[in-house]
Amino acid sequence: MAELPDEFPLPGLPEQVQIYEVGPRDGLQAEKEIVDTRTKIEFIRGLRQTGLTAIEATSFVSPRWVPQLADAAEVLAGIGSADGIRHPVLVPNQIGMDRALAAGATEIAIFVSATERFAHENLDTTVDGAIELAAPVVRQAAEAGIGVRGYVSMCFGDPWEGRVPIGQVLDVVRRLADLGCRTISLGDTIGVATPGHVQALLEAIGGTGIGMDRLALHFHDTYGQALANVLSGLRCGVTEYDASAGGIGGCPFARSATGNLATEDLVWMLNGLGIEHGIDLDRLVQLSGWMAGKLGRPSPSRVVTALYQEAAADQLF
């Protein structure tokens, strides 16, 4: 069994959080070597066994843009369904939505950018154009009773445009809320956020009437700030956090984006704070160590590095 930190709760923090696992999609999408479909399916099934209840399975983006996710339909079919576990999929536009529905998707995520340059680099459009692409998808999902999550990239900084004004982010967040996105995930796509910036953005969003219960936070650990930024989010009342098992992933369209916040590192901190999350850390560590072996390199997660035991991982499958 993995060792656990002593619990020292801090006043004013939520009692429970939702961890939204992005490893199978955001984690793998930047991998240069194609990961075989069977490994992806085993990875997702393993994640289910850790207690995670929201696991983003894949993306129905064009295989030409992201070859790693060309097997989206096969992955979704291969994992099937499981009681109490959500498997959202990312869709970029109406074509992606049609493919996702045909493959049996029951929850989707759409993505837009807070900056014009990234909207061009990522979707070959503008901020307005990305929202216009998303609008009919969200409407169709609502008519079908399918939940929609909205991602906003580059909320804290952009590698081409530099600083991103808070008002610019607010405008996009408001528009996604008006479209009907159930949750809006604020992305620190290149990992430049700091705790004060996180608090300032969340307070500004709260001032528009959008509650913290509709927000999620998506941090990258480029400058080692991800966990500090999570703590800032917790202090503001946000209870949903994106993370990637083993810390894998980045963004293939943002040159300076490095790995996502590692799910294990987040769980370790939440354990120390006495915040409920429902994850079996020991099993998650062994799974991520196994996946790192499949990818051919050590996991960047500090907790995986500290606790992984190869012999235990051999018993997973």
C-alpha atoms as a PDB file:
ATOM      1  CA  MET A   1       0.000   0.000   0.000  1.00  0.00           C
ATOM      2  CA  ALA A   2       1.154   3.541  -0.772  1.00  0.00           C
ATOM      3  CA  GLU A   3       1.994   5.667   2.195  1.00  0.00           C
ATOM      4  CA  LEU A   4      -0.389   8.556   2.856  1.00  0.00           C
ATOM      5  CA  PRO A   5       0.303  12.028   4.226  1.00  0.00           C
ATOM      6  CA  ASP A   6      -0.998  13.065   7.615  1.00  0.00           C
ATOM      7  CA  GLU A   7      -4.242  15.034   7.424  1.00  0.00           C
ATOM      8  CA  PHE A   8      -4.096  18.689   8.367  1.00  0.00           C
ATOM      9  CA  PRO A   9      -7.284  20.331   7.029  1.00  0.00           C
ATOM     10  CA  LEU A  10      -7.335  24.041   6.369  1.00  0.00           C
ATOM     11  CA  PRO A  11     -10.408  26.107   7.245  1.00  0.00           C
ATOM     12  CA  GLY A  12     -12.741  27.297   4.523  1.00  0.00           C
ATOM     13  CA  LEU A  13     -11.952  24.640   1.910  1.00  0.00           C
ATOM     14  CA  PRO A  14     -14.515  22.351   0.254  1.00  0.00           C
ATOM     15  CA  GLU A  15     -15.105  18.992   1.912  1.00  0.00           C
ATOM     16  CA  GLN A  16     -15.157  17.104  -1.398  1.00  0.00           C
ATOM     17  CA  VAL A  17     -13.939  17.613  -4.962  1.00  0.00           C
ATOM     18  CA  GLN A  18     -14.512  16.022  -8.365  1.00  0.00           C
ATOM     19  CA  ILE A  19     -11.373  14.992 -10.240  1.00  0.00           C
ATOM     20  CA  TYR A  20     -11.946  15.053 -13.991  1.00  0.00           C
ATOM     21  CA  GLU A  21      -9.385  12.710 -15.550  1.00  0.00           C
ATOM     22  CA  VAL A  22      -8.010  13.859 -18.912  1.00  0.00           C
ATOM     23  CA  GLY A  23      -5.121  11.428 -19.362  1.00  0.00           C
ATOM     24  CA  PRO A  24      -6.621   9.252 -22.136  1.00  0.00           C
ATOM     25  CA  ARG A  25      -7.433  12.297 -24.263  1.00  0.00           C
ATOM     26  CA  ASP A  26      -5.393  15.376 -23.321  1.00  0.00           C
ATOM     27  CA  GLY A  27      -2.621  13.223 -21.923  1.00  0.00           C
ATOM     28  CA  LEU A  28      -2.100  11.099 -25.011  1.00  0.00           C
ATOM     29  CA  GLN A  29      -2.948  13.560 -27.779  1.00  0.00           C
ATOM     30  CA  ALA A  30       0.545  15.093 -27.842  1.00  0.00           C
ATOM     31  CA  GLU A  31       2.375  11.746 -28.014  1.00  0.00           C
ATOM     32  CA  LYS A  32       4.405  11.496 -31.216  1.00  0.00           C
ATOM     33  CA  GLU A  33       4.403   7.703 -31.279  1.00  0.00           C
ATOM     34  CA  ILE A  34       0.947   6.213 -31.829  1.00  0.00           C
ATOM     35  CA  VAL A  35      -0.320   4.359 -28.774  1.00  0.00           C
ATOM     36  CA  ASP A  36      -2.190   1.247 -29.846  1.00  0.00           C
ATOM     37  CA  THR A  37      -5.935   1.070 -29.284  1.00  0.00           C
ATOM     38  CA  ARG A  38      -5.739  -1.892 -26.928  1.00  0.00           C
ATOM     39  CA  THR A  39      -3.382  -0.015 -24.600  1.00  0.00           C
ATOM     40  CA  LYS A  40      -5.721   2.984 -24.551  1.00  0.00           C
ATOM     41  CA  ILE A  41      -8.667   0.752 -23.660  1.00  0.00           C
ATOM     42  CA  GLU A  42      -6.703  -0.972 -20.890  1.00  0.00           C
ATOM     43  CA  PHE A  43      -5.621   2.414 -19.571  1.00  0.00           C
ATOM     44  CA  ILE A  44      -9.204   3.672 -19.342  1.00  0.00           C
ATOM     45  CA  ARG A  45     -10.444   0.462 -17.772  1.00  0.00           C
ATOM     46  CA  GLY A  46      -7.628   0.715 -15.237  1.00  0.00           C
ATOM     47  CA  LEU A  47      -8.571   4.294 -14.444  1.00  0.00           C
ATOM     48  CA  ARG A  48     -12.119   3.143 -13.712  1.00  0.00           C
ATOM     49  CA  GLN A  49     -10.777   0.782 -11.083  1.00  0.00           C
ATOM     50  CA  THR A  50      -9.080   3.612  -9.190  1.00  0.00           C
ATOM     51  CA  GLY A  51     -12.368   5.259  -8.223  1.00  0.00           C
ATOM     52  CA  LEU A  52     -12.353   7.979 -10.868  1.00  0.00           C
ATOM     53  CA  THR A  53     -15.893   8.707 -12.045  1.00  0.00           C
ATOM     54  CA  ALA A  54     -15.211  11.252 -14.829  1.00  0.00           C
ATOM     55  CA  ILE A  55     -12.729  10.008 -17.426  1.00  0.00           C
ATOM     56  CA  GLU A  56     -12.473  11.869 -20.714  1.00  0.00           C
ATOM     57  CA  ALA A  57     -12.003   8.992 -23.132  1.00  0.00           C
ATOM     58  CA  THR A  58     -10.970  10.489 -26.472  1.00  0.00           C
ATOM     59  CA  SER A  59     -11.650  13.198 -29.039  1.00  0.00           C
ATOM     60  CA  PHE A  60     -13.475  13.157 -32.345  1.00  0.00           C
ATOM     61  CA  VAL A  61     -11.144  15.727 -33.824  1.00  0.00           C
ATOM     62  CA  SER A  62      -9.949  15.250 -37.402  1.00  0.00           C
ATOM     63  CA  PRO A  63      -7.405  12.392 -37.575  1.00  0.00           C
ATOM     64  CA  ARG A  64      -5.404  14.610 -39.909  1.00  0.00           C
ATOM     65  CA  TRP A  65      -4.946  17.171 -37.108  1.00  0.00           C
ATOM     66  CA  VAL A  66      -4.410  14.695 -34.267  1.00  0.00           C
ATOM     67  CA  PRO A  67      -3.448  11.248 -35.643  1.00  0.00           C
ATOM     68  CA  GLN A  68      -3.082   9.888 -32.097  1.00  0.00           C
ATOM     69  CA  LEU A  69      -6.868  10.026 -31.652  1.00  0.00           C
ATOM     70  CA  ALA A  70      -7.859   8.593 -35.032  1.00  0.00           C
ATOM     71  CA  ASP A  71      -9.219   5.499 -33.252  1.00  0.00           C
ATOM     72  CA  ALA A  72     -11.779   7.457 -31.199  1.00  0.00           C
ATOM     73  CA  ALA A  73     -14.756   5.304 -32.219  1.00  0.00           C
ATOM     74  CA  GLU A  74     -12.844   2.080 -31.572  1.00  0.00           C
ATOM     75  CA  VAL A  75     -11.753   3.257 -28.124  1.00  0.00           C
ATOM     76  CA  LEU A  76     -15.274   4.288 -27.147  1.00  0.00           C
ATOM     77  CA  ALA A  77     -16.668   0.965 -28.330  1.00  0.00           C
ATOM     78  CA  GLY A  78     -13.918  -0.960 -26.581  1.00  0.00           C
ATOM     79  CA  ILE A  79     -14.386   0.578 -23.141  1.00  0.00           C
ATOM     80  CA  GLY A  80     -18.167   0.233 -23.141  1.00  0.00           C
ATOM     81  CA  SER A  81     -20.118   1.718 -20.261  1.00  0.00           C
ATOM     82  CA  ALA A  82     -19.781   1.328 -16.515  1.00  0.00           C
ATOM     83  CA  ASP A  83     -22.269   2.214 -13.794  1.00  0.00           C
ATOM     84  CA  GLY A  84     -21.610   5.576 -12.215  1.00  0.00           C
ATOM     85  CA  ILE A  85     -18.726   6.474 -14.549  1.00  0.00           C
ATOM     86  CA  ARG A  86     -18.886   9.224 -17.162  1.00  0.00           C
ATOM     87  CA  HIS A  87     -16.846   9.064 -20.356  1.00  0.00           C
ATOM     88  CA  PRO A  88     -17.053  12.489 -22.022  1.00  0.00           C
ATOM     89  CA  VAL A  89     -15.476  12.953 -25.445  1.00  0.00           C
ATOM     90  CA  LEU A  90     -14.148  16.121 -27.015  1.00  0.00           C
ATOM     91  CA  VAL A  91     -15.735  17.359 -30.243  1.00  0.00           C
ATOM     92  CA  PRO A  92     -14.405  20.299 -32.285  1.00  0.00           C
ATOM     93  CA  ASN A  93     -17.372  20.973 -34.570  1.00  0.00           C
ATOM     94  CA  GLN A  94     -20.536  19.523 -36.096  1.00  0.00           C
ATOM     95  CA  ILE A  95     -18.646  16.837 -38.000  1.00  0.00           C
ATOM     96  CA  GLY A  96     -17.010  15.703 -34.786  1.00  0.00           C
ATOM     97  CA  MET A  97     -20.381  15.761 -33.031  1.00  0.00           C
ATOM     98  CA  ASP A  98     -21.937  13.565 -35.694  1.00  0.00           C
ATOM     99  CA  ARG A  99     -19.087  11.064 -35.373  1.00  0.00           C
ATOM    100  CA  ALA A 100     -19.341  11.105 -31.574  1.00  0.00           C
ATOM    101  CA  LEU A 101     -23.090  10.461 -31.581  1.00  0.00           C
ATOM    102  CA  ALA A 102     -22.697   7.669 -34.116  1.00  0.00           C
ATOM    103  CA  ALA A 103     -20.121   6.084 -31.804  1.00  0.00           C
ATOM    104  CA  GLY A 104     -22.516   6.239 -28.850  1.00  0.00           C
ATOM    105  CA  ALA A 105     -21.147   9.211 -26.905  1.00  0.00           C
ATOM    106  CA  THR A 106     -23.331  10.230 -23.961  1.00  0.00           C
ATOM    107  CA  GLU A 107     -21.450  13.372 -22.862  1.00  0.00           C
ATOM    108  CA  ILE A 108     -19.330  15.829 -24.816  1.00  0.00           C
ATOM    109  CA  ALA A 109     -16.878  18.647 -24.337  1.00  0.00           C
ATOM    110  CA  ILE A 110     -16.332  21.553 -26.706  1.00  0.00           C
ATOM    111  CA  PHE A 111     -13.345  23.879 -26.736  1.00  0.00           C
ATOM    112  CA  VAL A 112     -12.708  27.501 -27.551  1.00  0.00           C
ATOM    113  CA  SER A 113      -9.897  29.948 -26.907  1.00  0.00           C
ATOM    114  CA  ALA A 114      -9.640  33.171 -24.952  1.00  0.00           C
ATOM    115  CA  THR A 115      -7.123  34.486 -27.509  1.00  0.00           C
ATOM    116  CA  GLU A 116      -7.283  35.070 -31.245  1.00  0.00           C
ATOM    117  CA  ARG A 117      -3.900  33.597 -32.094  1.00  0.00           C
ATOM    118  CA  PHE A 118      -4.564  30.288 -30.378  1.00  0.00           C
ATOM    119  CA  ALA A 119      -8.012  30.111 -31.965  1.00  0.00           C
ATOM    120  CA  HIS A 120      -6.199  30.355 -35.286  1.00  0.00           C
ATOM    121  CA  GLU A 121      -3.489  27.836 -34.396  1.00  0.00           C
ATOM    122  CA  ASN A 122      -5.836  25.299 -32.805  1.00  0.00           C
ATOM    123  CA  LEU A 123      -9.044  25.578 -34.844  1.00  0.00           C
ATOM    124  CA  ASP A 124      -8.012  27.702 -37.827  1.00  0.00           C
ATOM    125  CA  THR A 125     -10.636  30.292 -36.916  1.00  0.00           C
ATOM    126  CA  THR A 126     -11.255  33.274 -34.641  1.00  0.00           C
ATOM    127  CA  VAL A 127     -12.609  33.428 -31.092  1.00  0.00           C
ATOM    128  CA  ASP A 128     -16.013  34.394 -32.481  1.00  0.00           C
ATOM    129  CA  GLY A 129     -15.734  31.689 -35.124  1.00  0.00           C
ATOM    130  CA  ALA A 130     -14.946  29.009 -32.537  1.00  0.00           C
ATOM    131  CA  ILE A 131     -18.004  29.954 -30.495  1.00  0.00           C
ATOM    132  CA  GLU A 132     -20.134  29.958 -33.635  1.00  0.00           C
ATOM    133  CA  LEU A 133     -18.864  26.447 -34.409  1.00  0.00           C
ATOM    134  CA  ALA A 134     -19.698  25.322 -30.887  1.00  0.00           C
ATOM    135  CA  ALA A 135     -23.192  26.830 -30.711  1.00  0.00           C
ATOM    136  CA  PRO A 136     -25.085  24.289 -32.880  1.00  0.00           C
ATOM    137  CA  VAL A 137     -23.212  21.430 -31.217  1.00  0.00           C
ATOM    138  CA  VAL A 138     -24.306  22.599 -27.767  1.00  0.00           C
ATOM    139  CA  ARG A 139     -27.887  23.068 -28.963  1.00  0.00           C
ATOM    140  CA  GLN A 140     -27.970  19.591 -30.481  1.00  0.00           C
ATOM    141  CA  ALA A 141     -26.552  18.096 -27.297  1.00  0.00           C
ATOM    142  CA  ALA A 142     -29.209  19.854 -25.213  1.00  0.00           C
ATOM    143  CA  GLU A 143     -31.965  18.512 -27.441  1.00  0.00           C
ATOM    144  CA  ALA A 144     -30.527  15.003 -27.042  1.00  0.00           C
ATOM    145  CA  GLY A 145     -30.203  15.349 -23.268  1.00  0.00           C
ATOM    146  CA  ILE A 146     -26.408  15.173 -23.467  1.00  0.00           C
ATOM    147  CA  GLY A 147     -24.333  17.155 -20.990  1.00  0.00           C
ATOM    148  CA  VAL A 148     -21.809  19.640 -22.369  1.00  0.00           C
ATOM    149  CA  ARG A 149     -18.557  20.844 -20.864  1.00  0.00           C
ATOM    150  CA  GLY A 150     -16.839  23.910 -22.309  1.00  0.00           C
ATOM    151  CA  TYR A 151     -13.073  24.316 -22.306  1.00  0.00           C
ATOM    152  CA  VAL A 152     -11.530  27.775 -22.530  1.00  0.00           C
ATOM    153  CA  SER A 153      -7.855  27.628 -23.492  1.00  0.00           C
ATOM    154  CA  MET A 154      -5.219  30.312 -22.758  1.00  0.00           C
ATOM    155  CA  CYS A 155      -7.030  31.849 -19.796  1.00  0.00           C
ATOM    156  CA  PHE A 156      -3.837  33.004 -18.088  1.00  0.00           C
ATOM    157  CA  GLY A 157      -1.300  33.514 -20.839  1.00  0.00           C
ATOM    158  CA  ASP A 158      -0.663  32.845 -24.510  1.00  0.00           C
ATOM    159  CA  PRO A 159       2.735  31.955 -26.082  1.00  0.00           C
ATOM    160  CA  TRP A 160       2.117  34.353 -28.962  1.00  0.00           C
ATOM    161  CA  GLU A 161       0.040  37.125 -27.384  1.00  0.00           C
ATOM    162  CA  GLY A 162       1.556  37.107 -23.901  1.00  0.00           C
ATOM    163  CA  ARG A 163      -0.658  38.315 -21.052  1.00  0.00           C
ATOM    164  CA  VAL A 164      -4.369  37.658 -21.437  1.00  0.00           C
ATOM    165  CA  PRO A 165      -6.607  40.362 -19.922  1.00  0.00           C
ATOM    166  CA  ILE A 166      -9.139  39.038 -17.421  1.00  0.00           C
ATOM    167  CA  GLY A 167     -11.948  40.866 -19.216  1.00  0.00           C
ATOM    168  CA  GLN A 168     -11.115  38.961 -22.389  1.00  0.00           C
ATOM    169  CA  VAL A 169     -11.537  35.652 -20.550  1.00  0.00           C
ATOM    170  CA  LEU A 170     -14.755  36.828 -18.894  1.00  0.00           C
ATOM    171  CA  ASP A 171     -16.332  37.541 -22.258  1.00  0.00           C
ATOM    172  CA  VAL A 172     -15.702  34.004 -23.509  1.00  0.00           C
ATOM    173  CA  VAL A 173     -16.811  32.385 -20.237  1.00  0.00           C
ATOM    174  CA  ARG A 174     -20.075  34.365 -20.259  1.00  0.00           C
ATOM    175  CA  ARG A 175     -20.776  33.338 -23.829  1.00  0.00           C
ATOM    176  CA  LEU A 176     -20.240  29.643 -23.073  1.00  0.00           C
ATOM    177  CA  ALA A 177     -22.469  29.926 -20.013  1.00  0.00           C
ATOM    178  CA  ASP A 178     -25.158  31.564 -22.151  1.00  0.00           C
ATOM    179  CA  LEU A 179     -24.869  28.740 -24.696  1.00  0.00           C
ATOM    180  CA  GLY A 180     -25.720  26.270 -21.945  1.00  0.00           C
ATOM    181  CA  CYS A 181     -22.414  24.599 -21.053  1.00  0.00           C
ATOM    182  CA  ARG A 182     -22.955  22.770 -17.774  1.00  0.00           C
ATOM    183  CA  THR A 183     -19.338  23.170 -16.701  1.00  0.00           C
ATOM    184  CA  ILE A 184     -16.706  25.598 -17.968  1.00  0.00           C
ATOM    185  CA  SER A 185     -13.082  24.545 -17.540  1.00  0.00           C
ATOM    186  CA  LEU A 186     -10.574  27.382 -17.347  1.00  0.00           C
ATOM    187  CA  GLY A 187      -7.328  26.292 -18.949  1.00  0.00           C
ATOM    188  CA  ASP A 188      -3.840  27.410 -18.015  1.00  0.00           C
ATOM    189  CA  THR A 189      -2.664  25.910 -21.278  1.00  0.00           C
ATOM    190  CA  ILE A 190       1.005  26.884 -20.984  1.00  0.00           C
ATOM    191  CA  GLY A 191       1.279  26.756 -17.193  1.00  0.00           C
ATOM    192  CA  VAL A 192       1.969  30.437 -16.473  1.00  0.00           C
ATOM    193  CA  ALA A 193      -0.767  31.035 -13.873  1.00  0.00           C
ATOM    194  CA  THR A 194       0.082  31.936 -10.293  1.00  0.00           C
ATOM    195  CA  PRO A 195      -2.220  31.754  -7.248  1.00  0.00           C
ATOM    196  CA  GLY A 196      -3.040  35.460  -7.148  1.00  0.00           C
ATOM    197  CA  HIS A 197      -3.940  35.450 -10.828  1.00  0.00           C
ATOM    198  CA  VAL A 198      -6.207  32.435 -10.291  1.00  0.00           C
ATOM    199  CA  GLN A 199      -8.004  34.182  -7.439  1.00  0.00           C
ATOM    200  CA  ALA A 200      -8.397  37.403  -9.411  1.00  0.00           C
ATOM    201  CA  LEU A 201      -9.925  35.598 -12.398  1.00  0.00           C
ATOM    202  CA  LEU A 202     -12.297  33.535 -10.249  1.00  0.00           C
ATOM    203  CA  GLU A 203     -13.451  36.583  -8.292  1.00  0.00           C
ATOM    204  CA  ALA A 204     -14.091  38.426 -11.561  1.00  0.00           C
ATOM    205  CA  ILE A 205     -16.126  35.514 -12.941  1.00  0.00           C
ATOM    206  CA  GLY A 206     -18.065  35.272  -9.685  1.00  0.00           C
ATOM    207  CA  GLY A 207     -18.879  38.960 -10.045  1.00  0.00           C
ATOM    208  CA  THR A 208     -20.752  38.195 -13.272  1.00  0.00           C
ATOM    209  CA  GLY A 209     -23.139  35.878 -11.431  1.00  0.00           C
ATOM    210  CA  ILE A 210     -21.587  32.620 -12.659  1.00  0.00           C
ATOM    211  CA  GLY A 211     -21.196  30.354  -9.639  1.00  0.00           C
ATOM    212  CA  MET A 212     -18.051  28.452  -8.721  1.00  0.00           C
ATOM    213  CA  ASP A 213     -20.109  25.265  -9.049  1.00  0.00           C
ATOM    214  CA  ARG A 214     -20.116  25.775 -12.827  1.00  0.00           C
ATOM    215  CA  LEU A 215     -16.344  26.122 -13.065  1.00  0.00           C
ATOM    216  CA  ALA A 216     -13.462  23.685 -13.310  1.00  0.00           C
ATOM    217  CA  LEU A 217      -9.737  24.440 -13.364  1.00  0.00           C
ATOM    218  CA  HIS A 218      -7.219  22.911 -15.744  1.00  0.00           C
ATOM    219  CA  PHE A 219      -3.589  23.555 -14.824  1.00  0.00           C
ATOM    220  CA  HIS A 220      -0.293  22.650 -16.453  1.00  0.00           C
ATOM    221  CA  ASP A 221       2.816  22.422 -14.301  1.00  0.00           C
ATOM    222  CA  THR A 222       5.294  24.145 -16.605  1.00  0.00           C
ATOM    223  CA  TYR A 223       6.646  26.396 -13.840  1.00  0.00           C
ATOM    224  CA  GLY A 224       5.776  24.178 -10.884  1.00  0.00           C
ATOM    225  CA  GLN A 225       2.727  26.228  -9.909  1.00  0.00           C
ATOM    226  CA  ALA A 226      -0.111  23.781 -10.552  1.00  0.00           C
ATOM    227  CA  LEU A 227      -0.742  22.612  -6.980  1.00  0.00           C
ATOM    228  CA  ALA A 228      -0.419  26.120  -5.575  1.00  0.00           C
ATOM    229  CA  ASN A 229      -2.970  27.211  -8.145  1.00  0.00           C
ATOM    230  CA  VAL A 230      -5.295  24.373  -7.114  1.00  0.00           C
ATOM    231  CA  LEU A 231      -5.103  25.561  -3.506  1.00  0.00           C
ATOM    232  CA  SER A 232      -6.041  29.055  -4.673  1.00  0.00           C
ATOM    233  CA  GLY A 233      -9.013  27.578  -6.517  1.00  0.00           C
ATOM    234  CA  LEU A 234     -10.080  25.609  -3.460  1.00  0.00           C
ATOM    235  CA  ARG A 235      -9.997  28.750  -1.354  1.00  0.00           C
ATOM    236  CA  CYS A 236     -12.330  30.376  -3.876  1.00  0.00           C
ATOM    237  CA  GLY A 237     -14.765  27.439  -3.734  1.00  0.00           C
ATOM    238  CA  VAL A 238     -14.042  25.611  -7.011  1.00  0.00           C
ATOM    239  CA  THR A 239     -14.655  21.884  -6.558  1.00  0.00           C
ATOM    240  CA  GLU A 240     -13.749  20.363  -9.952  1.00  0.00           C
ATOM    241  CA  TYR A 241     -10.162  19.921 -11.170  1.00  0.00           C
ATOM    242  CA  ASP A 242      -8.790  18.452 -14.361  1.00  0.00           C
ATOM    243  CA  ALA A 243      -5.758  16.206 -14.000  1.00  0.00           C
ATOM    244  CA  SER A 244      -3.882  13.605 -16.000  1.00  0.00           C
ATOM    245  CA  ALA A 245      -2.762  10.265 -14.591  1.00  0.00           C
ATOM    246  CA  GLY A 246       1.014  10.279 -14.341  1.00  0.00           C
ATOM    247  CA  GLY A 247       1.178  13.910 -15.468  1.00  0.00           C
ATOM    248  CA  ILE A 248       1.268  12.953 -19.142  1.00  0.00           C
ATOM    249  CA  GLY A 249       0.282  15.361 -21.855  1.00  0.00           C
ATOM    250  CA  GLY A 250       0.586  18.879 -23.105  1.00  0.00           C
ATOM    251  CA  CYS A 251      -0.873  20.630 -26.105  1.00  0.00           C
ATOM    252  CA  PRO A 252       0.291  19.849 -29.651  1.00  0.00           C
ATOM    253  CA  PHE A 253      -0.723  23.344 -30.798  1.00  0.00           C
ATOM    254  CA  ALA A 254       1.062  25.360 -28.063  1.00  0.00           C
ATOM    255  CA  ARG A 255       4.824  24.982 -28.264  1.00  0.00           C
ATOM    256  CA  SER A 256       5.530  25.896 -24.635  1.00  0.00           C
ATOM    257  CA  ALA A 257       2.861  23.676 -23.060  1.00  0.00           C
ATOM    258  CA  THR A 258       4.288  20.889 -20.941  1.00  0.00           C
ATOM    259  CA  GLY A 259       2.614  18.231 -18.863  1.00  0.00           C
ATOM    260  CA  ASN A 260      -0.741  18.433 -17.162  1.00  0.00           C
ATOM    261  CA  LEU A 261      -1.112  18.459 -13.420  1.00  0.00           C
ATOM    262  CA  ALA A 262      -0.570  14.850 -12.356  1.00  0.00           C
ATOM    263  CA  THR A 263      -3.643  13.218 -10.852  1.00  0.00           C
ATOM    264  CA  GLU A 264      -1.482  11.489  -8.223  1.00  0.00           C
ATOM    265  CA  ASP A 265       0.101  14.763  -7.096  1.00  0.00           C
ATOM    266  CA  LEU A 266      -3.339  16.333  -6.785  1.00  0.00           C
ATOM    267  CA  VAL A 267      -4.661  13.338  -4.821  1.00  0.00           C
ATOM    268  CA  TRP A 268      -1.676  13.455  -2.446  1.00  0.00           C
ATOM    269  CA  MET A 269      -2.362  17.101  -1.633  1.00  0.00           C
ATOM    270  CA  LEU A 270      -6.100  16.521  -1.215  1.00  0.00           C
ATOM    271  CA  ASN A 271      -5.361  13.617   1.125  1.00  0.00           C
ATOM    272  CA  GLY A 272      -3.209  15.869   3.267  1.00  0.00           C
ATOM    273  CA  LEU A 273      -5.986  18.456   3.400  1.00  0.00           C
ATOM    274  CA  GLY A 274      -8.582  15.846   4.341  1.00  0.00           C
ATOM    275  CA  ILE A 275     -10.656  16.566   1.222  1.00  0.00           C
ATOM    276  CA  GLU A 276     -12.698  13.651  -0.130  1.00  0.00           C
ATOM    277  CA  HIS A 277     -12.133  12.585  -3.762  1.00  0.00           C
ATOM    278  CA  GLY A 278     -12.791   8.841  -3.911  1.00  0.00           C
ATOM    279  CA  ILE A 279      -9.490   7.821  -5.552  1.00  0.00           C
ATOM    280  CA  ASP A 280      -7.355   4.802  -4.631  1.00  0.00           C
ATOM    281  CA  LEU A 281      -3.906   6.403  -4.775  1.00  0.00           C
ATOM    282  CA  ASP A 282      -1.985   3.128  -4.620  1.00  0.00           C
ATOM    283  CA  ARG A 283      -3.776   1.653  -7.619  1.00  0.00           C
ATOM    284  CA  LEU A 284      -3.523   4.899  -9.564  1.00  0.00           C
ATOM    285  CA  VAL A 285       0.232   5.129  -8.979  1.00  0.00           C
ATOM    286  CA  GLN A 286       0.778   1.593 -10.245  1.00  0.00           C
ATOM    287  CA  LEU A 287      -1.404   2.206 -13.299  1.00  0.00           C
ATOM    288  CA  SER A 288       0.475   5.382 -14.198  1.00  0.00           C
ATOM    289  CA  GLY A 289       3.800   3.644 -13.750  1.00  0.00           C
ATOM    290  CA  TRP A 290       2.572   0.920 -16.106  1.00  0.00           C
ATOM    291  CA  MET A 291       1.491   3.553 -18.651  1.00  0.00           C
ATOM    292  CA  ALA A 292       4.848   5.318 -18.393  1.00  0.00           C
ATOM    293  CA  GLY A 293       6.458   2.029 -19.340  1.00  0.00           C
ATOM    294  CA  LYS A 294       4.200   1.802 -22.379  1.00  0.00           C
ATOM    295  CA  LEU A 295       5.254   5.328 -23.378  1.00  0.00           C
ATOM    296  CA  GLY A 296       8.907   4.502 -22.845  1.00  0.00           C
ATOM    297  CA  ARG A 297       9.825   7.144 -20.285  1.00  0.00           C
ATOM    298  CA  PRO A 298       9.478   7.848 -16.555  1.00  0.00           C
ATOM    299  CA  SER A 299       6.344   9.547 -15.294  1.00  0.00           C
ATOM    300  CA  PRO A 300       6.830  13.266 -14.516  1.00  0.00           C
ATOM    301  CA  SER A 301       4.565  12.884 -11.471  1.00  0.00           C
ATOM    302  CA  ARG A 302       6.502  13.368  -8.231  1.00  0.00           C
ATOM    303  CA  VAL A 303       4.171  10.995  -6.390  1.00  0.00           C
ATOM    304  CA  VAL A 304       4.491   8.274  -9.022  1.00  0.00           C
ATOM    305  CA  THR A 305       8.269   8.650  -8.882  1.00  0.00           C
ATOM    306  CA  ALA A 306       8.197   8.264  -5.102  1.00  0.00           C
ATOM    307  CA  LEU A 307       5.759   5.376  -4.836  1.00  0.00           C
ATOM    308  CA  TYR A 308       5.750   3.335  -8.039  1.00  0.00           C
ATOM    309  CA  GLN A 309       6.638  -0.330  -7.742  1.00  0.00           C
ATOM    310  CA  GLU A 310       7.023  -2.210 -11.006  1.00  0.00           C
ATOM    311  CA  ALA A 311       6.178  -5.563  -9.461  1.00  0.00           C
ATOM    312  CA  ALA A 312       2.839  -4.251  -8.212  1.00  0.00           C
ATOM    313  CA  ALA A 313       2.013  -2.835 -11.626  1.00  0.00           C
ATOM    314  CA  ASP A 314       2.479  -6.274 -13.190  1.00  0.00           C
ATOM    315  CA  GLN A 315      -0.646  -7.406 -11.335  1.00  0.00           C
ATOM    316  CA  LEU A 316      -2.933  -4.794 -12.901  1.00  0.00           C
ATOM    317  CA  PHE A 317      -3.945  -6.688 -16.025  1.00  0.00           C
END
